[in-house]
Amino acid sequence: MARFLSFFLLIFLVAGLIYSTYSFSQGRFMEGMLIFPLLICCYLFVMAWQKRQDNDH
């Protein structure tokens, strides 16, 4: 995976985790659960990227 894309994904996930933690601490459960669909989307994106890379080589 490209370095820039990896860095962007890491920053995006950390920001989502911080927001989710803050929402949980304020008692907003549904907003706190935002991180789980975000993690699933990132997982699917990374798996698709790796599969594409394996097929290219």
Protein backbone atom coordinates (compact mmCIF):
# COMPACT_ATOMS: atom_id res chain seq x y z
CA MET A 1 0.00 0.00 0.00
CA ALA A 2 1.30 3.45 -0.81
CA ARG A 3 2.85 5.32 2.08
CA PHE A 4 0.53 8.32 1.71
CA LEU A 5 -2.56 6.12 1.63
CA SER A 6 -1.41 4.22 4.72
CA PHE A 7 -0.75 7.45 6.58
CA PHE A 8 -4.16 8.86 5.57
CA LEU A 9 -5.92 5.67 6.69
CA LEU A 10 -4.10 5.72 10.02
CA ILE A 11 -5.02 9.36 10.68
CA PHE A 12 -8.64 8.69 9.67
CA LEU A 13 -8.90 5.73 12.04
CA VAL A 14 -7.27 7.55 14.96
CA ALA A 15 -9.62 10.51 14.49
CA GLY A 16 -12.60 8.14 14.41
CA LEU A 17 -11.41 6.38 17.55
CA ILE A 18 -10.94 9.67 19.41
CA TYR A 19 -14.40 10.87 18.38
CA SER A 20 -15.93 7.54 19.37
CA THR A 21 -14.24 7.58 22.78
CA TYR A 22 -15.39 11.15 23.39
CA SER A 23 -18.96 10.27 22.40
CA PHE A 24 -19.01 7.28 24.75
CA SER A 25 -17.73 9.45 27.60
CA GLN A 26 -20.59 11.91 26.97
CA GLY A 27 -23.16 9.10 27.04
CA ARG A 28 -23.96 9.19 23.32
CA PHE A 29 -23.90 5.47 22.56
CA MET A 30 -25.04 5.59 18.92
CA GLU A 31 -22.44 8.21 17.98
CA GLY A 32 -19.84 6.21 19.84
CA MET A 33 -20.59 3.17 17.70
CA LEU A 34 -19.46 5.09 14.60
CA ILE A 35 -16.03 3.45 14.79
CA PHE A 36 -17.30 -0.07 14.06
CA PRO A 37 -18.68 0.51 10.54
CA LEU A 38 -15.59 2.64 9.89
CA LEU A 39 -13.34 -0.25 10.89
CA ILE A 40 -15.27 -2.68 8.70
CA CYS A 41 -14.99 -0.36 5.70
CA CYS A 42 -11.27 0.07 6.26
CA TYR A 43 -10.81 -3.69 6.58
CA LEU A 44 -12.66 -4.33 3.32
CA PHE A 45 -10.67 -1.60 1.58
CA VAL A 46 -7.33 -3.03 2.74
CA MET A 47 -8.31 -6.60 1.80
CA ALA A 48 -9.37 -5.46 -1.69
CA TRP A 49 -6.12 -3.51 -2.05
CA GLN A 50 -4.01 -6.50 -1.06
CA LYS A 51 -5.91 -8.83 -3.38
CA ARG A 52 -5.34 -6.40 -6.23
CA GLN A 53 -1.64 -6.22 -5.39
CA ASP A 54 -1.36 -10.01 -5.31
CA ASN A 55 -3.04 -10.34 -8.70
CA ASP A 56 -0.70 -7.74 -10.25
CA HIS A 57 2.41 -9.67 -9.19
